[in-house]
Amino acid sequence: MTATETEPAPRAGTPPAQAGAKKQRTGSARDIAGRKREYETIYILRPDSTTDVIAQVNQKIRGVVEAGGGTLLKVDNWGKRKLAYEVKKQLKGIYLFFSYLGTAGLVEEVERNLRLTDSVVRYYSVKIAENVDPAARPSEFTEEAFAKAATPGPDEEEIATGQANARSPFAEEEEGAFDFEEAVFGGVDEPRSKREE
């Protein structure tokens, strides 16, 4: 603006904070330059969400994090699970987990986008740490993990009853790892007569 122009007056009833352009949220005095905050966001999608819908929501959140200068650390699909209580007429939901680094205000933008997405039933974000050095924080994020997070896992009830043809996404198949079924029921590959002896 030149010295002769005046700034237009805000409309009547508009609060002064909203009268101007949207201001980016600045960090607190505790923030160290060059450092970021670590956040975790868990969101629940409708249980009837297809792979395409899950992939679209994941891509949307990834875009928001990267556009806000953030860095994805981990993306995981926890599968379809029963909710503690009915939410938006749903008793189950597909749980997705995002861990990321970002500046102040990034989590609000992520949650705003989740709130505007119809397939999202519920979301929750937590600040894990402040003043994290992005170079020192290892990232478990890979394109393979991101693509795998779009595939809905088996229902937890199907896993518990043995009707699922895939193992739980939480079960880590490692040599020598603790096997709950083997500890409780004995070796599952052994014939029944050997277990009873």
C-alpha atoms as a PDB file:
ATOM      1  CA  MET A   1       0.000   0.000   0.000  1.00  0.00           C
ATOM      2  CA  THR A   2       1.099   3.513  -0.631  1.00  0.00           C
ATOM      3  CA  ALA A   3       0.926   6.293   1.895  1.00  0.00           C
ATOM      4  CA  THR A   4      -2.260   7.678   0.338  1.00  0.00           C
ATOM      5  CA  GLU A   5      -4.171   4.359   0.371  1.00  0.00           C
ATOM      6  CA  THR A   6      -5.931   3.219   3.482  1.00  0.00           C
ATOM      7  CA  GLU A   7      -6.526  -0.305   4.578  1.00  0.00           C
ATOM      8  CA  PRO A   8     -10.169  -1.347   4.139  1.00  0.00           C
ATOM      9  CA  ALA A   9     -12.094  -1.552   7.362  1.00  0.00           C
ATOM     10  CA  PRO A  10     -13.138  -5.017   8.516  1.00  0.00           C
ATOM     11  CA  ARG A  11     -16.769  -5.980   8.159  1.00  0.00           C
ATOM     12  CA  ALA A  12     -19.030  -5.240  11.078  1.00  0.00           C
ATOM     13  CA  GLY A  13     -19.027  -8.039  13.642  1.00  0.00           C
ATOM     14  CA  THR A  14     -15.693  -9.489  12.463  1.00  0.00           C
ATOM     15  CA  PRO A  15     -13.209 -10.017  15.313  1.00  0.00           C
ATOM     16  CA  PRO A  16      -9.906  -8.174  14.798  1.00  0.00           C
ATOM     17  CA  ALA A  17      -7.945 -11.450  14.633  1.00  0.00           C
ATOM     18  CA  GLN A  18     -10.004 -12.630  11.660  1.00  0.00           C
ATOM     19  CA  ALA A  19     -10.082  -9.288   9.886  1.00  0.00           C
ATOM     20  CA  GLY A  20      -6.635  -9.691   8.303  1.00  0.00           C
ATOM     21  CA  ALA A  21      -5.160 -12.655   6.469  1.00  0.00           C
ATOM     22  CA  LYS A  22      -4.769 -15.913   8.327  1.00  0.00           C
ATOM     23  CA  LYS A  23      -1.590 -15.736  10.369  1.00  0.00           C
ATOM     24  CA  GLN A  24       0.700 -18.742  10.737  1.00  0.00           C
ATOM     25  CA  ARG A  25       1.072 -19.867  14.312  1.00  0.00           C
ATOM     26  CA  THR A  26       4.500 -19.122  15.698  1.00  0.00           C
ATOM     27  CA  GLY A  27       6.334 -21.353  18.121  1.00  0.00           C
ATOM     28  CA  SER A  28       6.791 -20.733  21.791  1.00  0.00           C
ATOM     29  CA  ALA A  29       9.800 -19.152  23.442  1.00  0.00           C
ATOM     30  CA  ARG A  30      10.945 -22.655  24.428  1.00  0.00           C
ATOM     31  CA  ASP A  31      11.467 -23.673  20.781  1.00  0.00           C
ATOM     32  CA  ILE A  32      15.080 -23.826  19.621  1.00  0.00           C
ATOM     33  CA  ALA A  33      15.809 -22.713  16.057  1.00  0.00           C
ATOM     34  CA  GLY A  34      16.289 -25.643  13.676  1.00  0.00           C
ATOM     35  CA  ARG A  35      14.512 -28.073  15.990  1.00  0.00           C
ATOM     36  CA  LYS A  36      11.035 -29.560  15.610  1.00  0.00           C
ATOM     37  CA  ARG A  37       8.394 -31.164  17.762  1.00  0.00           C
ATOM     38  CA  GLU A  38       7.504 -34.852  17.560  1.00  0.00           C
ATOM     39  CA  TYR A  39       3.805 -35.711  17.261  1.00  0.00           C
ATOM     40  CA  GLU A  40       1.766 -38.891  17.015  1.00  0.00           C
ATOM     41  CA  THR A  41      -1.691 -38.900  15.449  1.00  0.00           C
ATOM     42  CA  ILE A  42      -4.057 -41.845  15.508  1.00  0.00           C
ATOM     43  CA  TYR A  43      -7.188 -41.662  13.427  1.00  0.00           C
ATOM     44  CA  ILE A  44     -10.033 -44.114  12.947  1.00  0.00           C
ATOM     45  CA  LEU A  45     -11.742 -44.639   9.609  1.00  0.00           C
ATOM     46  CA  ARG A  46     -15.166 -46.159   8.985  1.00  0.00           C
ATOM     47  CA  PRO A  47     -14.965 -49.985   9.031  1.00  0.00           C
ATOM     48  CA  ASP A  48     -16.348 -50.259   5.484  1.00  0.00           C
ATOM     49  CA  SER A  49     -13.544 -48.078   4.044  1.00  0.00           C
ATOM     50  CA  THR A  50     -11.948 -49.596   0.958  1.00  0.00           C
ATOM     51  CA  THR A  51      -8.237 -49.713   0.199  1.00  0.00           C
ATOM     52  CA  ASP A  52      -8.661 -46.721  -2.135  1.00  0.00           C
ATOM     53  CA  VAL A  53     -10.317 -44.615   0.583  1.00  0.00           C
ATOM     54  CA  ILE A  54      -7.604 -45.498   3.105  1.00  0.00           C
ATOM     55  CA  ALA A  55      -4.900 -44.645   0.557  1.00  0.00           C
ATOM     56  CA  GLN A  56      -6.553 -41.280  -0.242  1.00  0.00           C
ATOM     57  CA  VAL A  57      -6.785 -40.266   3.427  1.00  0.00           C
ATOM     58  CA  ASN A  58      -3.197 -41.378   4.083  1.00  0.00           C
ATOM     59  CA  GLN A  59      -1.969 -39.448   1.040  1.00  0.00           C
ATOM     60  CA  LYS A  60      -3.904 -36.360   2.157  1.00  0.00           C
ATOM     61  CA  ILE A  61      -2.337 -36.438   5.642  1.00  0.00           C
ATOM     62  CA  ARG A  62       1.105 -37.123   4.190  1.00  0.00           C
ATOM     63  CA  GLY A  63       0.698 -34.099   1.914  1.00  0.00           C
ATOM     64  CA  VAL A  64      -0.327 -31.875   4.826  1.00  0.00           C
ATOM     65  CA  VAL A  65       2.666 -32.970   6.911  1.00  0.00           C
ATOM     66  CA  GLU A  66       5.150 -32.505   4.057  1.00  0.00           C
ATOM     67  CA  ALA A  67       3.622 -29.175   2.938  1.00  0.00           C
ATOM     68  CA  GLY A  68       3.922 -27.909   6.511  1.00  0.00           C
ATOM     69  CA  GLY A  69       7.645 -28.669   6.558  1.00  0.00           C
ATOM     70  CA  GLY A  70       7.218 -31.834   8.599  1.00  0.00           C
ATOM     71  CA  THR A  71       8.936 -35.204   8.318  1.00  0.00           C
ATOM     72  CA  LEU A  72       7.119 -38.532   8.532  1.00  0.00           C
ATOM     73  CA  LEU A  73       8.755 -40.968  10.940  1.00  0.00           C
ATOM     74  CA  LYS A  74       6.381 -43.927  10.896  1.00  0.00           C
ATOM     75  CA  VAL A  75       3.070 -44.915   9.294  1.00  0.00           C
ATOM     76  CA  ASP A  76       1.194 -48.010  10.390  1.00  0.00           C
ATOM     77  CA  ASN A  77      -2.220 -49.617   9.864  1.00  0.00           C
ATOM     78  CA  TRP A  78      -3.375 -51.311  13.060  1.00  0.00           C
ATOM     79  CA  GLY A  79      -6.308 -53.010  11.346  1.00  0.00           C
ATOM     80  CA  LYS A  80     -10.015 -53.145  12.096  1.00  0.00           C
ATOM     81  CA  ARG A  81     -10.783 -53.101  15.806  1.00  0.00           C
ATOM     82  CA  LYS A  82     -13.812 -52.819  18.027  1.00  0.00           C
ATOM     83  CA  LEU A  83     -14.447 -49.353  19.477  1.00  0.00           C
ATOM     84  CA  ALA A  84     -14.960 -48.910  23.218  1.00  0.00           C
ATOM     85  CA  TYR A  85     -18.331 -47.274  22.512  1.00  0.00           C
ATOM     86  CA  GLU A  86     -20.425 -46.344  19.501  1.00  0.00           C
ATOM     87  CA  VAL A  87     -19.036 -43.379  17.567  1.00  0.00           C
ATOM     88  CA  LYS A  88     -21.024 -41.886  14.668  1.00  0.00           C
ATOM     89  CA  LYS A  89     -23.148 -45.054  14.546  1.00  0.00           C
ATOM     90  CA  GLN A  90     -20.038 -47.249  14.169  1.00  0.00           C
ATOM     91  CA  LEU A  91     -18.995 -50.069  16.494  1.00  0.00           C
ATOM     92  CA  LYS A  92     -15.709 -50.844  14.709  1.00  0.00           C
ATOM     93  CA  GLY A  93     -13.088 -48.814  12.900  1.00  0.00           C
ATOM     94  CA  ILE A  94      -9.829 -49.048  10.983  1.00  0.00           C
ATOM     95  CA  TYR A  95      -7.027 -47.604  13.103  1.00  0.00           C
ATOM     96  CA  LEU A  96      -4.131 -45.729  11.439  1.00  0.00           C
ATOM     97  CA  PHE A  97      -1.025 -44.395  13.178  1.00  0.00           C
ATOM     98  CA  PHE A  98       1.187 -41.509  11.981  1.00  0.00           C
ATOM     99  CA  SER A  99       4.352 -40.360  13.769  1.00  0.00           C
ATOM    100  CA  TYR A 100       5.969 -37.167  12.445  1.00  0.00           C
ATOM    101  CA  LEU A 101       8.172 -34.161  13.184  1.00  0.00           C
ATOM    102  CA  GLY A 102       6.847 -30.668  12.628  1.00  0.00           C
ATOM    103  CA  THR A 103       6.732 -27.097  13.793  1.00  0.00           C
ATOM    104  CA  ALA A 104       4.084 -25.495  15.966  1.00  0.00           C
ATOM    105  CA  GLY A 105       0.741 -25.359  14.215  1.00  0.00           C
ATOM    106  CA  LEU A 106       1.264 -28.445  12.025  1.00  0.00           C
ATOM    107  CA  VAL A 107      -0.836 -30.696  14.242  1.00  0.00           C
ATOM    108  CA  GLU A 108      -3.743 -28.230  14.028  1.00  0.00           C
ATOM    109  CA  GLU A 109      -3.614 -28.370  10.227  1.00  0.00           C
ATOM    110  CA  VAL A 110      -3.513 -32.187  10.281  1.00  0.00           C
ATOM    111  CA  GLU A 111      -6.515 -32.310  12.606  1.00  0.00           C
ATOM    112  CA  ARG A 112      -8.392 -29.733  10.510  1.00  0.00           C
ATOM    113  CA  ASN A 113      -7.993 -31.948   7.435  1.00  0.00           C
ATOM    114  CA  LEU A 114      -9.082 -35.033   9.385  1.00  0.00           C
ATOM    115  CA  ARG A 115     -12.150 -33.185  10.670  1.00  0.00           C
ATOM    116  CA  LEU A 116     -13.157 -32.322   7.093  1.00  0.00           C
ATOM    117  CA  THR A 117     -12.782 -35.909   5.832  1.00  0.00           C
ATOM    118  CA  ASP A 118     -16.078 -37.837   5.841  1.00  0.00           C
ATOM    119  CA  SER A 119     -14.586 -41.304   6.304  1.00  0.00           C
ATOM    120  CA  VAL A 120     -12.776 -40.296   9.531  1.00  0.00           C
ATOM    121  CA  VAL A 121     -14.725 -41.296  12.626  1.00  0.00           C
ATOM    122  CA  ARG A 122     -12.327 -40.066  15.331  1.00  0.00           C
ATOM    123  CA  TYR A 123      -8.770 -38.719  15.655  1.00  0.00           C
ATOM    124  CA  TYR A 124      -6.345 -37.944  18.473  1.00  0.00           C
ATOM    125  CA  SER A 125      -2.931 -36.253  18.445  1.00  0.00           C
ATOM    126  CA  VAL A 126      -0.255 -36.173  21.122  1.00  0.00           C
ATOM    127  CA  LYS A 127       2.967 -34.163  21.373  1.00  0.00           C
ATOM    128  CA  ILE A 128       5.702 -36.659  22.227  1.00  0.00           C
ATOM    129  CA  ALA A 129       8.730 -34.374  22.511  1.00  0.00           C
ATOM    130  CA  GLU A 130       9.879 -30.784  21.985  1.00  0.00           C
ATOM    131  CA  ASN A 131      13.108 -29.540  20.440  1.00  0.00           C
ATOM    132  CA  VAL A 132      13.939 -32.716  18.529  1.00  0.00           C
ATOM    133  CA  ASP A 133      16.880 -32.526  16.137  1.00  0.00           C
ATOM    134  CA  PRO A 134      15.516 -33.850  12.796  1.00  0.00           C
ATOM    135  CA  ALA A 135      18.961 -35.109  11.750  1.00  0.00           C
ATOM    136  CA  ALA A 136      19.351 -37.156  14.919  1.00  0.00           C
ATOM    137  CA  ARG A 137      15.871 -38.711  14.852  1.00  0.00           C
ATOM    138  CA  PRO A 138      15.824 -41.947  12.835  1.00  0.00           C
ATOM    139  CA  SER A 139      12.907 -42.415  10.476  1.00  0.00           C
ATOM    140  CA  GLU A 140      11.216 -45.786   9.962  1.00  0.00           C
ATOM    141  CA  PHE A 141       9.178 -44.374   7.085  1.00  0.00           C
ATOM    142  CA  THR A 142       9.494 -46.103   3.717  1.00  0.00           C
ATOM    143  CA  GLU A 143       7.356 -46.038   0.594  1.00  0.00           C
ATOM    144  CA  GLU A 144       6.667 -49.768   1.128  1.00  0.00           C
ATOM    145  CA  ALA A 145       5.357 -49.141   4.648  1.00  0.00           C
ATOM    146  CA  PHE A 146       3.223 -46.272   3.355  1.00  0.00           C
ATOM    147  CA  ALA A 147       1.694 -48.493   0.634  1.00  0.00           C
ATOM    148  CA  LYS A 148       1.174 -51.320   3.140  1.00  0.00           C
ATOM    149  CA  ALA A 149      -0.682 -48.937   5.502  1.00  0.00           C
ATOM    150  CA  ALA A 150      -3.420 -48.574   2.859  1.00  0.00           C
ATOM    151  CA  THR A 151      -4.266 -52.276   3.067  1.00  0.00           C
ATOM    152  CA  PRO A 152      -6.785 -53.008   5.805  1.00  0.00           C
ATOM    153  CA  GLY A 153      -5.691 -55.847   8.059  1.00  0.00           C
ATOM    154  CA  PRO A 154      -7.949 -58.612   9.298  1.00  0.00           C
ATOM    155  CA  ASP A 155     -10.616 -57.933  11.899  1.00  0.00           C
ATOM    156  CA  GLU A 156      -9.392 -58.500  15.485  1.00  0.00           C
ATOM    157  CA  GLU A 157     -12.339 -60.843  16.147  1.00  0.00           C
ATOM    158  CA  GLU A 158     -11.374 -62.961  13.131  1.00  0.00           C
ATOM    159  CA  ILE A 159      -7.829 -63.194  14.467  1.00  0.00           C
ATOM    160  CA  ALA A 160      -9.043 -64.202  17.935  1.00  0.00           C
ATOM    161  CA  THR A 161     -11.365 -66.908  16.600  1.00  0.00           C
ATOM    162  CA  GLY A 162      -8.832 -68.190  14.074  1.00  0.00           C
ATOM    163  CA  GLN A 163     -11.014 -67.325  11.073  1.00  0.00           C
ATOM    164  CA  ALA A 164      -8.483 -64.894   9.604  1.00  0.00           C
ATOM    165  CA  ASN A 165      -6.093 -66.307   7.068  1.00  0.00           C
ATOM    166  CA  ALA A 166      -3.476 -63.716   7.996  1.00  0.00           C
ATOM    167  CA  ARG A 167      -1.666 -63.213  11.294  1.00  0.00           C
ATOM    168  CA  SER A 168      -2.155 -60.176  13.486  1.00  0.00           C
ATOM    169  CA  PRO A 169      -0.306 -57.046  12.314  1.00  0.00           C
ATOM    170  CA  PHE A 170       1.181 -56.844  15.838  1.00  0.00           C
ATOM    171  CA  ALA A 171       2.764 -60.293  15.722  1.00  0.00           C
ATOM    172  CA  GLU A 172       6.435 -60.091  14.898  1.00  0.00           C
ATOM    173  CA  GLU A 173       7.635 -63.242  13.176  1.00  0.00           C
ATOM    174  CA  GLU A 174      11.234 -63.540  14.310  1.00  0.00           C
ATOM    175  CA  GLU A 175      13.405 -66.560  14.972  1.00  0.00           C
ATOM    176  CA  GLY A 176      13.352 -67.349  18.663  1.00  0.00           C
ATOM    177  CA  ALA A 177      10.625 -64.793  19.389  1.00  0.00           C
ATOM    178  CA  PHE A 178       8.130 -65.527  22.154  1.00  0.00           C
ATOM    179  CA  ASP A 179       5.106 -67.375  20.776  1.00  0.00           C
ATOM    180  CA  PHE A 180       2.027 -66.998  22.980  1.00  0.00           C
ATOM    181  CA  GLU A 181       0.113 -69.863  21.331  1.00  0.00           C
ATOM    182  CA  GLU A 182       3.030 -72.227  21.791  1.00  0.00           C
ATOM    183  CA  ALA A 183       3.491 -71.224  25.426  1.00  0.00           C
ATOM    184  CA  VAL A 184      -0.178 -71.723  26.295  1.00  0.00           C
ATOM    185  CA  PHE A 185      -1.292 -74.529  24.011  1.00  0.00           C
ATOM    186  CA  GLY A 186       1.996 -76.245  23.190  1.00  0.00           C
ATOM    187  CA  GLY A 187       3.513 -76.509  19.731  1.00  0.00           C
ATOM    188  CA  VAL A 188       0.800 -75.903  17.150  1.00  0.00           C
ATOM    189  CA  ASP A 189       2.609 -77.913  14.457  1.00  0.00           C
ATOM    190  CA  GLU A 190       2.981 -81.039  16.589  1.00  0.00           C
ATOM    191  CA  PRO A 191       0.468 -83.882  16.302  1.00  0.00           C
ATOM    192  CA  ARG A 192      -2.035 -83.935  19.157  1.00  0.00           C
ATOM    193  CA  SER A 193      -0.838 -87.310  20.508  1.00  0.00           C
ATOM    194  CA  LYS A 194       2.680 -85.986  21.168  1.00  0.00           C
ATOM    195  CA  ARG A 195       1.382 -82.964  23.088  1.00  0.00           C
ATOM    196  CA  GLU A 196      -0.717 -85.101  25.429  1.00  0.00           C
ATOM    197  CA  GLU A 197       2.209 -87.362  26.472  1.00  0.00           C
END
